Each structure stands twice: as C-alpha cells, then as structure tokens.
Amino acid sequence: MTDLSTIAKIESKIFRIRGKKVMLDEDLAELYGVETKQLTRQVRRNIDRFPDDFMFLLTYDEVRNLRCQIGTSSYGGRRYLPYAFTEQGVAMLSSVLHSKRAILVNIQIMRAFVGLRREAVTYSGLNRKIEEIEKKYDSRFEIVFKAIKSLMDPPSGPPKRRIGFHAD
C-alpha cells in the first residue's frame, strides 16, 4: 500500500464529532492491527494520559447518528460505546501501544491530520488573497470578483446529503 493510499484511507476514517476531528477506537485498532478491546484496555490502564481533549466516550445519540451516516447495521456489534480520539489522543496512543506497526501507523495518521489542516488553511488563505486583490483593482473588475466568490460559496439550493459523521 502506498503512502498516498494509506493517507486517503486514514482520512476517510476521520470524522467531525463535537466540533473536533476524531478517529474511532475500532478504526484505530484496525489500522494498528490489534483488537478493539486490546486498544481500549491499554487506554484504560493509562487513563491519565488521555484527558477529555485527547479522548472522549461517544453518546448513544452520536453512535446512532454515526450508524446512519456510514451505513452500518445496528444488529449485533459492540456492547460498549466507542471512544473517539483527537489528534493529540492518537499521538498519545503510540506511547501505550508498543509495536513497530503502531509507530508506522501513527506517522501516517499524523500526516493525514496535517493534510486535512493544510487544506482548511489553503481555502481560507485563498479567500483572503482574493479580497486583497479585490481592494487593489477598481470597479471594472467587480463582476470577475463576484463570479469567483460565487464559485467559492456553497450552493444556495436545498442542502445536499452530508457524507460522514457530523454531530455538530
């Protein structure tokens, strides 16, 4: 598996819950090549390393919403609510999971989080640059800037169905 496909796979497992970008314990366990119960056992043994801004337990409503978003069955499955790990929590996992694979996977996950952050910064940076250019030119270019801004704004029709988990 190449680095780009690994990062793309990881990015597809990053969700926005409670306004934070997180990964679920079961997705992390799959990437690390361990059982979910082994990952959560190590976390519980080292709970002081995982404050609320590193990891939190999902609510029943968040889990139900997540199942609807990603299309998983509610039949069978887990008995316990899943944990959600922020970027800092994922970084801390490497200190409690002692394996070569955990280190390598952690590096890829950090790259995925950085890539998502870079995309967000690039978008806001582009918007700021357009506003700066707009100030330099007179009203003759006003129609051009309106067209560019309309392309950057989300469509104003009925909202599209959101993909992924969004609990905000």
N, C-alpha and C. Protein backbone atom coordinates (compact mmCIF):
# COMPACT_ATOMS: atom_id res chain seq x y z
N MET A 1 0.85 -1.18 0.00
CA MET A 1 0.00 0.00 0.00
C MET A 1 0.89 1.24 0.00
N THR A 2 0.63 2.16 -0.91
CA THR A 2 1.46 3.36 -0.99
C THR A 2 1.07 4.35 0.09
N ASP A 3 1.95 5.32 0.32
CA ASP A 3 1.68 6.33 1.34
C ASP A 3 0.40 7.10 1.05
N LEU A 4 0.19 7.47 -0.24
CA LEU A 4 -0.99 8.26 -0.58
C LEU A 4 -2.27 7.48 -0.36
N SER A 5 -2.28 6.20 -0.71
CA SER A 5 -3.50 5.41 -0.50
C SER A 5 -3.73 5.17 0.99
N THR A 6 -2.65 5.02 1.75
CA THR A 6 -2.79 4.86 3.20
C THR A 6 -3.36 6.12 3.82
N ILE A 7 -2.84 7.26 3.44
CA ILE A 7 -3.32 8.53 3.98
C ILE A 7 -4.78 8.76 3.57
N ALA A 8 -5.13 8.43 2.32
CA ALA A 8 -6.52 8.57 1.88
C ALA A 8 -7.45 7.66 2.69
N LYS A 9 -7.00 6.44 2.98
CA LYS A 9 -7.79 5.52 3.79
C LYS A 9 -7.98 6.08 5.20
N ILE A 10 -6.92 6.63 5.75
CA ILE A 10 -6.99 7.20 7.10
C ILE A 10 -7.91 8.42 7.11
N GLU A 11 -7.78 9.30 6.11
CA GLU A 11 -8.62 10.50 6.06
C GLU A 11 -10.10 10.13 6.00
N SER A 12 -10.43 8.99 5.36
CA SER A 12 -11.84 8.58 5.29
C SER A 12 -12.36 8.11 6.64
N LYS A 13 -11.47 7.87 7.59
CA LYS A 13 -11.85 7.42 8.92
C LYS A 13 -11.79 8.54 9.95
N ILE A 14 -11.54 9.76 9.51
CA ILE A 14 -11.54 10.92 10.40
C ILE A 14 -12.90 11.59 10.29
N PHE A 15 -13.57 11.71 11.43
CA PHE A 15 -14.91 12.28 11.48
C PHE A 15 -14.89 13.55 12.32
N ARG A 16 -15.92 14.37 12.11
CA ARG A 16 -16.07 15.57 12.93
C ARG A 16 -17.19 15.28 13.93
N ILE A 17 -16.79 15.21 15.21
CA ILE A 17 -17.73 14.96 16.28
C ILE A 17 -17.49 16.02 17.36
N ARG A 18 -18.56 16.65 17.81
CA ARG A 18 -18.47 17.72 18.81
C ARG A 18 -17.52 18.83 18.37
N GLY A 19 -17.46 19.07 17.08
CA GLY A 19 -16.63 20.14 16.55
C GLY A 19 -15.15 19.80 16.49
N LYS A 20 -14.78 18.54 16.72
CA LYS A 20 -13.38 18.12 16.69
C LYS A 20 -13.21 17.03 15.65
N LYS A 21 -12.04 17.00 15.04
CA LYS A 21 -11.71 15.91 14.12
C LYS A 21 -11.19 14.75 14.95
N VAL A 22 -11.85 13.60 14.82
CA VAL A 22 -11.51 12.45 15.65
C VAL A 22 -11.48 11.17 14.82
N MET A 23 -10.88 10.15 15.43
CA MET A 23 -10.92 8.80 14.88
C MET A 23 -11.49 7.89 15.97
N LEU A 24 -12.25 6.89 15.54
CA LEU A 24 -12.87 5.98 16.49
C LEU A 24 -11.92 4.86 16.88
N ASP A 25 -12.13 4.33 18.08
CA ASP A 25 -11.25 3.29 18.60
C ASP A 25 -11.20 2.06 17.68
N GLU A 26 -12.34 1.66 17.11
CA GLU A 26 -12.34 0.46 16.26
C GLU A 26 -11.56 0.68 14.96
N ASP A 27 -11.62 1.89 14.40
CA ASP A 27 -10.84 2.20 13.20
C ASP A 27 -9.35 2.22 13.51
N LEU A 28 -9.00 2.80 14.66
CA LEU A 28 -7.60 2.83 15.07
C LEU A 28 -7.08 1.42 15.33
N ALA A 29 -7.89 0.59 15.99
CA ALA A 29 -7.47 -0.79 16.26
C ALA A 29 -7.23 -1.54 14.96
N GLU A 30 -8.09 -1.33 13.98
CA GLU A 30 -7.90 -1.97 12.68
C GLU A 30 -6.59 -1.53 12.04
N LEU A 31 -6.32 -0.23 12.06
CA LEU A 31 -5.08 0.28 11.48
C LEU A 31 -3.84 -0.25 12.21
N TYR A 32 -3.93 -0.33 13.53
CA TYR A 32 -2.80 -0.81 14.33
C TYR A 32 -2.66 -2.33 14.29
N GLY A 33 -3.68 -3.03 13.78
CA GLY A 33 -3.61 -4.48 13.71
C GLY A 33 -3.83 -5.15 15.04
N VAL A 34 -4.64 -4.55 15.90
CA VAL A 34 -4.97 -5.14 17.20
C VAL A 34 -6.49 -5.18 17.34
N GLU A 35 -6.97 -5.94 18.32
CA GLU A 35 -8.41 -5.96 18.59
C GLU A 35 -8.79 -4.68 19.32
N THR A 36 -10.02 -4.24 19.11
CA THR A 36 -10.50 -3.03 19.76
C THR A 36 -10.40 -3.15 21.27
N LYS A 37 -10.74 -4.31 21.81
CA LYS A 37 -10.69 -4.47 23.27
C LYS A 37 -9.26 -4.35 23.80
N GLN A 38 -8.28 -4.76 22.99
CA GLN A 38 -6.88 -4.61 23.42
C GLN A 38 -6.49 -3.14 23.46
N LEU A 39 -6.90 -2.40 22.44
CA LEU A 39 -6.61 -0.96 22.41
C LEU A 39 -7.26 -0.25 23.59
N THR A 40 -8.55 -0.52 23.82
CA THR A 40 -9.23 0.17 24.92
C THR A 40 -8.69 -0.27 26.28
N ARG A 41 -8.25 -1.52 26.39
CA ARG A 41 -7.65 -1.98 27.65
C ARG A 41 -6.39 -1.18 27.95
N GLN A 42 -5.55 -0.98 26.95
CA GLN A 42 -4.31 -0.21 27.14
C GLN A 42 -4.62 1.24 27.49
N VAL A 43 -5.67 1.78 26.89
CA VAL A 43 -6.07 3.16 27.19
C VAL A 43 -6.54 3.25 28.64
N ARG A 44 -7.39 2.31 29.07
CA ARG A 44 -7.89 2.34 30.45
C ARG A 44 -6.76 2.16 31.46
N ARG A 45 -5.75 1.35 31.11
CA ARG A 45 -4.61 1.16 32.01
C ARG A 45 -3.77 2.44 32.13
N ASN A 46 -3.84 3.29 31.13
CA ASN A 46 -3.05 4.53 31.10
C ASN A 46 -3.97 5.74 30.98
N ILE A 47 -5.09 5.71 31.67
CA ILE A 47 -6.13 6.74 31.51
C ILE A 47 -5.63 8.15 31.82
N ASP A 48 -4.61 8.29 32.67
CA ASP A 48 -4.08 9.63 32.98
C ASP A 48 -3.47 10.30 31.75
N ARG A 49 -3.09 9.53 30.76
CA ARG A 49 -2.50 10.08 29.53
C ARG A 49 -3.56 10.59 28.56
N PHE A 50 -4.84 10.37 28.86
CA PHE A 50 -5.90 10.70 27.92
C PHE A 50 -6.96 11.60 28.56
N PRO A 51 -6.64 12.90 28.71
CA PRO A 51 -7.65 13.83 29.23
C PRO A 51 -8.79 14.00 28.22
N ASP A 52 -9.82 14.71 28.61
CA ASP A 52 -11.02 14.87 27.78
C ASP A 52 -10.76 15.48 26.41
N ASP A 53 -9.73 16.32 26.29
CA ASP A 53 -9.46 16.91 24.98
C ASP A 53 -8.62 15.97 24.10
N PHE A 54 -8.21 14.82 24.61
CA PHE A 54 -7.49 13.81 23.82
C PHE A 54 -8.42 12.67 23.40
N MET A 55 -9.41 12.38 24.25
CA MET A 55 -10.29 11.24 24.02
C MET A 55 -11.59 11.44 24.79
N PHE A 56 -12.71 11.00 24.20
CA PHE A 56 -13.98 11.04 24.91
C PHE A 56 -14.85 9.88 24.45
N LEU A 57 -15.80 9.52 25.29
CA LEU A 57 -16.73 8.44 25.02
C LEU A 57 -17.92 9.01 24.27
N LEU A 58 -18.32 8.37 23.18
CA LEU A 58 -19.46 8.85 22.42
C LEU A 58 -20.76 8.58 23.19
N THR A 59 -21.77 9.38 22.91
CA THR A 59 -23.09 9.16 23.50
C THR A 59 -23.88 8.20 22.60
N TYR A 60 -25.00 7.69 23.12
CA TYR A 60 -25.85 6.80 22.32
C TYR A 60 -26.35 7.51 21.07
N ASP A 61 -26.73 8.79 21.19
CA ASP A 61 -27.21 9.56 20.04
C ASP A 61 -26.12 9.71 18.98
N GLU A 62 -24.90 9.97 19.41
CA GLU A 62 -23.80 10.12 18.46
C GLU A 62 -23.53 8.81 17.73
N VAL A 63 -23.62 7.69 18.45
CA VAL A 63 -23.41 6.38 17.82
C VAL A 63 -24.52 6.09 16.83
N ARG A 64 -25.76 6.39 17.20
CA ARG A 64 -26.89 6.16 16.30
C ARG A 64 -26.75 7.03 15.04
N ASN A 65 -26.36 8.27 15.23
CA ASN A 65 -26.14 9.17 14.09
C ASN A 65 -25.00 8.66 13.22
N LEU A 66 -23.96 8.17 13.85
CA LEU A 66 -22.82 7.63 13.11
C LEU A 66 -23.23 6.43 12.27
N ARG A 67 -24.04 5.54 12.83
CA ARG A 67 -24.50 4.38 12.08
C ARG A 67 -25.30 4.80 10.86
N CYS A 68 -26.13 5.83 11.02
CA CYS A 68 -26.90 6.33 9.87
C CYS A 68 -25.98 6.92 8.81
N GLN A 69 -24.94 7.64 9.25
CA GLN A 69 -24.05 8.31 8.31
C GLN A 69 -23.20 7.34 7.51
N ILE A 70 -22.69 6.29 8.15
CA ILE A 70 -21.78 5.39 7.44
C ILE A 70 -22.43 4.08 7.05
N GLY A 71 -23.72 3.92 7.36
CA GLY A 71 -24.48 2.78 6.88
C GLY A 71 -24.15 1.45 7.51
N THR A 72 -23.82 1.42 8.79
CA THR A 72 -23.56 0.14 9.44
C THR A 72 -24.84 -0.37 10.08
N SER A 73 -24.90 -1.65 10.29
CA SER A 73 -26.07 -2.28 10.87
C SER A 73 -26.10 -2.07 12.37
N SER A 74 -27.28 -1.94 12.91
CA SER A 74 -27.41 -1.83 14.36
C SER A 74 -27.55 -3.22 14.98
N TYR A 75 -27.66 -4.26 14.16
CA TYR A 75 -27.77 -5.63 14.65
C TYR A 75 -26.39 -6.15 15.05
N GLY A 76 -26.29 -6.71 16.22
CA GLY A 76 -25.00 -7.26 16.65
C GLY A 76 -24.05 -6.13 16.98
N GLY A 77 -22.75 -6.40 16.81
CA GLY A 77 -21.75 -5.37 17.01
C GLY A 77 -21.33 -5.21 18.45
N ARG A 78 -20.95 -4.03 18.82
CA ARG A 78 -20.36 -3.73 20.12
C ARG A 78 -21.38 -3.69 21.24
N ARG A 79 -20.89 -3.97 22.43
CA ARG A 79 -21.71 -3.85 23.63
C ARG A 79 -21.46 -2.52 24.32
N TYR A 80 -20.34 -1.88 24.01
CA TYR A 80 -19.95 -0.66 24.71
C TYR A 80 -19.87 0.50 23.72
N LEU A 81 -20.05 1.69 24.26
CA LEU A 81 -19.93 2.89 23.42
C LEU A 81 -18.47 3.06 23.00
N PRO A 82 -18.25 3.51 21.77
CA PRO A 82 -16.86 3.68 21.30
C PRO A 82 -16.22 4.96 21.84
N TYR A 83 -14.90 4.92 21.88
CA TYR A 83 -14.11 6.10 22.21
C TYR A 83 -13.76 6.83 20.93
N ALA A 84 -13.70 8.15 21.01
CA ALA A 84 -13.25 8.99 19.91
C ALA A 84 -11.94 9.65 20.34
N PHE A 85 -10.91 9.56 19.50
CA PHE A 85 -9.60 10.11 19.82
C PHE A 85 -9.31 11.31 18.93
N THR A 86 -8.92 12.42 19.54
CA THR A 86 -8.49 13.59 18.78
C THR A 86 -7.07 13.34 18.27
N GLU A 87 -6.56 14.28 17.53
CA GLU A 87 -5.19 14.15 17.00
C GLU A 87 -4.18 13.94 18.14
N GLN A 88 -4.34 14.67 19.22
CA GLN A 88 -3.42 14.52 20.35
C GLN A 88 -3.59 13.15 21.01
N GLY A 89 -4.81 12.66 21.07
CA GLY A 89 -5.06 11.34 21.64
C GLY A 89 -4.44 10.23 20.80
N VAL A 90 -4.52 10.39 19.48
CA VAL A 90 -3.90 9.41 18.58
C VAL A 90 -2.38 9.42 18.79
N ALA A 91 -1.81 10.60 18.93
CA ALA A 91 -0.37 10.68 19.18
C ALA A 91 -0.01 10.00 20.49
N MET A 92 -0.85 10.15 21.50
CA MET A 92 -0.59 9.53 22.79
C MET A 92 -0.71 8.00 22.71
N LEU A 93 -1.52 7.51 21.81
CA LEU A 93 -1.68 6.05 21.67
C LEU A 93 -0.35 5.36 21.37
N SER A 94 0.52 6.02 20.65
CA SER A 94 1.80 5.39 20.32
C SER A 94 2.64 5.13 21.57
N SER A 95 2.35 5.86 22.63
CA SER A 95 3.12 5.63 23.87
C SER A 95 2.56 4.48 24.70
N VAL A 96 1.33 4.06 24.41
CA VAL A 96 0.77 2.93 25.16
C VAL A 96 0.71 1.65 24.34
N LEU A 97 0.79 1.76 23.02
CA LEU A 97 0.85 0.58 22.16
C LEU A 97 2.29 0.41 21.71
N HIS A 98 2.92 -0.59 22.20
CA HIS A 98 4.35 -0.76 21.95
C HIS A 98 4.60 -1.77 20.83
N SER A 99 4.51 -1.29 19.59
CA SER A 99 4.84 -2.15 18.46
C SER A 99 5.38 -1.29 17.32
N LYS A 100 6.13 -1.92 16.47
CA LYS A 100 6.69 -1.23 15.30
C LYS A 100 5.55 -0.72 14.40
N ARG A 101 4.52 -1.56 14.23
CA ARG A 101 3.39 -1.17 13.39
C ARG A 101 2.68 0.05 13.96
N ALA A 102 2.52 0.12 15.28
CA ALA A 102 1.87 1.27 15.91
C ALA A 102 2.62 2.56 15.59
N ILE A 103 3.92 2.50 15.61
CA ILE A 103 4.73 3.68 15.30
C ILE A 103 4.53 4.10 13.84
N LEU A 104 4.60 3.13 12.92
CA LEU A 104 4.46 3.44 11.50
C LEU A 104 3.05 3.97 11.17
N VAL A 105 2.04 3.34 11.75
CA VAL A 105 0.67 3.78 11.51
C VAL A 105 0.46 5.18 12.10
N ASN A 106 1.01 5.44 13.26
CA ASN A 106 0.88 6.76 13.88
C ASN A 106 1.45 7.86 13.00
N ILE A 107 2.57 7.58 12.37
CA ILE A 107 3.18 8.55 11.46
C ILE A 107 2.22 8.87 10.32
N GLN A 108 1.59 7.85 9.74
CA GLN A 108 0.65 8.06 8.65
C GLN A 108 -0.58 8.83 9.12
N ILE A 109 -1.06 8.52 10.32
CA ILE A 109 -2.23 9.23 10.84
C ILE A 109 -1.91 10.70 11.06
N MET A 110 -0.75 10.99 11.61
CA MET A 110 -0.36 12.39 11.82
C MET A 110 -0.28 13.13 10.48
N ARG A 111 0.24 12.45 9.46
CA ARG A 111 0.30 13.06 8.12
C ARG A 111 -1.10 13.34 7.59
N ALA A 112 -2.04 12.45 7.84
CA ALA A 112 -3.42 12.66 7.39
C ALA A 112 -4.04 13.87 8.08
N PHE A 113 -3.87 13.98 9.40
CA PHE A 113 -4.40 15.14 10.13
C PHE A 113 -3.77 16.44 9.62
N VAL A 114 -2.47 16.42 9.39
CA VAL A 114 -1.78 17.62 8.88
C VAL A 114 -2.30 17.98 7.50
N GLY A 115 -2.52 16.97 6.66
CA GLY A 115 -3.05 17.23 5.32
C GLY A 115 -4.42 17.87 5.37
N LEU A 116 -5.29 17.40 6.24
CA LEU A 116 -6.62 18.00 6.38
C LEU A 116 -6.54 19.42 6.89
N ARG A 117 -5.63 19.67 7.83
CA ARG A 117 -5.45 21.02 8.36
C ARG A 117 -4.93 21.95 7.26
N ARG A 118 -3.99 21.45 6.45
CA ARG A 118 -3.41 22.25 5.38
C ARG A 118 -4.49 22.64 4.36
N GLU A 119 -5.41 21.71 4.05
CA GLU A 119 -6.49 22.02 3.11
C GLU A 119 -7.37 23.14 3.65
N ALA A 120 -7.68 23.09 4.93
CA ALA A 120 -8.53 24.13 5.54
C ALA A 120 -7.84 25.49 5.50
N VAL A 121 -6.54 25.51 5.79
CA VAL A 121 -5.78 26.76 5.78
C VAL A 121 -5.68 27.31 4.36
N THR A 122 -5.48 26.41 3.39
CA THR A 122 -5.35 26.84 2.00
C THR A 122 -6.63 27.52 1.53
N TYR A 123 -7.78 26.99 1.90
CA TYR A 123 -9.05 27.58 1.49
C TYR A 123 -9.21 28.98 2.06
N SER A 124 -8.94 29.13 3.36
CA SER A 124 -9.10 30.46 3.96
C SER A 124 -8.04 31.42 3.43
N GLY A 125 -6.84 30.91 3.14
CA GLY A 125 -5.78 31.74 2.57
C GLY A 125 -6.16 32.24 1.19
N LEU A 126 -6.78 31.37 0.40
CA LEU A 126 -7.22 31.75 -0.95
C LEU A 126 -8.26 32.84 -0.87
N ASN A 127 -9.19 32.71 0.03
CA ASN A 127 -10.24 33.72 0.20
C ASN A 127 -9.63 35.07 0.58
N ARG A 128 -8.66 35.06 1.49
CA ARG A 128 -8.01 36.30 1.93
C ARG A 128 -7.26 36.96 0.76
N LYS A 129 -6.57 36.16 -0.05
CA LYS A 129 -5.83 36.72 -1.19
C LYS A 129 -6.76 37.36 -2.20
N ILE A 130 -7.90 36.73 -2.44
CA ILE A 130 -8.86 37.30 -3.39
C ILE A 130 -9.36 38.64 -2.88
N GLU A 131 -9.62 38.74 -1.59
CA GLU A 131 -10.07 40.02 -1.01
C GLU A 131 -9.00 41.09 -1.14
N GLU A 132 -7.73 40.72 -0.96
CA GLU A 132 -6.63 41.68 -1.11
C GLU A 132 -6.54 42.18 -2.55
N ILE A 133 -6.66 41.27 -3.49
CA ILE A 133 -6.59 41.65 -4.91
C ILE A 133 -7.78 42.54 -5.27
N GLU A 134 -8.94 42.22 -4.72
CA GLU A 134 -10.14 42.99 -5.00
C GLU A 134 -9.98 44.45 -4.57
N LYS A 135 -9.29 44.68 -3.47
CA LYS A 135 -9.07 46.04 -2.97
C LYS A 135 -8.16 46.84 -3.91
N LYS A 136 -7.25 46.17 -4.60
CA LYS A 136 -6.29 46.85 -5.47
C LYS A 136 -6.92 47.35 -6.77
N TYR A 137 -7.93 46.65 -7.25
CA TYR A 137 -8.48 46.98 -8.56
C TYR A 137 -9.78 47.76 -8.41
N ASP A 138 -10.10 48.53 -9.47
CA ASP A 138 -11.30 49.36 -9.41
C ASP A 138 -12.55 48.55 -9.74
N SER A 139 -13.65 49.25 -9.89
CA SER A 139 -14.96 48.61 -10.06
C SER A 139 -15.11 47.87 -11.39
N ARG A 140 -14.19 48.07 -12.34
CA ARG A 140 -14.31 47.38 -13.62
C ARG A 140 -14.17 45.86 -13.45
N PHE A 141 -13.48 45.43 -12.43
CA PHE A 141 -13.27 44.00 -12.21
C PHE A 141 -14.27 43.41 -11.21
N GLU A 142 -15.24 44.24 -10.80
CA GLU A 142 -16.19 43.80 -9.78
C GLU A 142 -16.93 42.53 -10.20
N ILE A 143 -17.32 42.44 -11.45
CA ILE A 143 -18.06 41.25 -11.93
C ILE A 143 -17.18 39.98 -11.86
N VAL A 144 -15.90 40.14 -12.11
CA VAL A 144 -14.98 39.00 -12.04
C VAL A 144 -14.88 38.50 -10.60
N PHE A 145 -14.74 39.42 -9.67
CA PHE A 145 -14.63 39.02 -8.27
C PHE A 145 -15.93 38.41 -7.74
N LYS A 146 -17.07 38.92 -8.19
CA LYS A 146 -18.35 38.32 -7.79
C LYS A 146 -18.45 36.89 -8.30
N ALA A 147 -18.00 36.66 -9.52
CA ALA A 147 -18.03 35.32 -10.09
C ALA A 147 -17.12 34.37 -9.31
N ILE A 148 -15.94 34.83 -8.97
CA ILE A 148 -15.00 33.99 -8.19
C ILE A 148 -15.60 33.67 -6.83
N LYS A 149 -16.16 34.67 -6.15
CA LYS A 149 -16.75 34.43 -4.83
C LYS A 149 -17.94 33.49 -4.90
N SER A 150 -18.73 33.60 -5.97
CA SER A 150 -19.88 32.70 -6.09
C SER A 150 -19.43 31.25 -6.29
N LEU A 151 -18.29 31.06 -6.92
CA LEU A 151 -17.75 29.71 -7.08
C LEU A 151 -17.22 29.16 -5.76
N MET A 152 -16.73 30.04 -4.89
CA MET A 152 -16.19 29.60 -3.61
C MET A 152 -17.26 29.34 -2.57
N ASP A 153 -18.42 30.03 -2.70
CA ASP A 153 -19.50 29.85 -1.73
C ASP A 153 -20.24 28.55 -2.02
N PRO A 154 -20.77 27.91 -0.98
CA PRO A 154 -21.55 26.69 -1.20
C PRO A 154 -22.83 27.02 -1.96
N PRO A 155 -23.39 26.07 -2.71
CA PRO A 155 -24.61 26.34 -3.47
C PRO A 155 -25.76 26.71 -2.53
N SER A 156 -26.66 27.55 -3.02
CA SER A 156 -27.73 28.07 -2.17
C SER A 156 -29.02 27.28 -2.31
N GLY A 157 -29.03 26.17 -3.02
CA GLY A 157 -30.22 25.34 -3.18
C GLY A 157 -30.48 24.53 -1.93
N PRO A 158 -31.34 23.52 -2.07
CA PRO A 158 -31.58 22.67 -0.89
C PRO A 158 -30.29 21.98 -0.46
N PRO A 159 -30.12 21.77 0.84
CA PRO A 159 -28.85 21.20 1.32
C PRO A 159 -28.64 19.79 0.78
N LYS A 160 -27.39 19.51 0.40
CA LYS A 160 -27.06 18.18 -0.07
C LYS A 160 -26.95 17.25 1.13
N ARG A 161 -27.13 15.99 0.88
CA ARG A 161 -26.98 15.00 1.94
C ARG A 161 -25.52 14.94 2.33
N ARG A 162 -25.23 15.12 3.61
CA ARG A 162 -23.87 15.13 4.11
C ARG A 162 -23.34 13.71 4.22
N ILE A 163 -22.10 13.54 3.86
CA ILE A 163 -21.45 12.24 3.94
C ILE A 163 -20.50 12.26 5.12
N GLY A 164 -20.44 11.16 5.86
CA GLY A 164 -19.57 11.10 7.03
C GLY A 164 -20.37 11.42 8.28
N PHE A 165 -19.71 11.42 9.40
CA PHE A 165 -20.37 11.65 10.68
C PHE A 165 -20.21 13.10 11.08
N HIS A 166 -21.32 13.75 11.35
CA HIS A 166 -21.32 15.16 11.75
C HIS A 166 -22.25 15.30 12.94
N ALA A 167 -21.70 15.49 14.11
CA ALA A 167 -22.52 15.60 15.31
C ALA A 167 -22.68 17.04 15.78
N ASP A 168 -22.28 18.01 14.96
CA ASP A 168 -22.40 19.40 15.42
C ASP A 168 -23.68 20.00 14.97
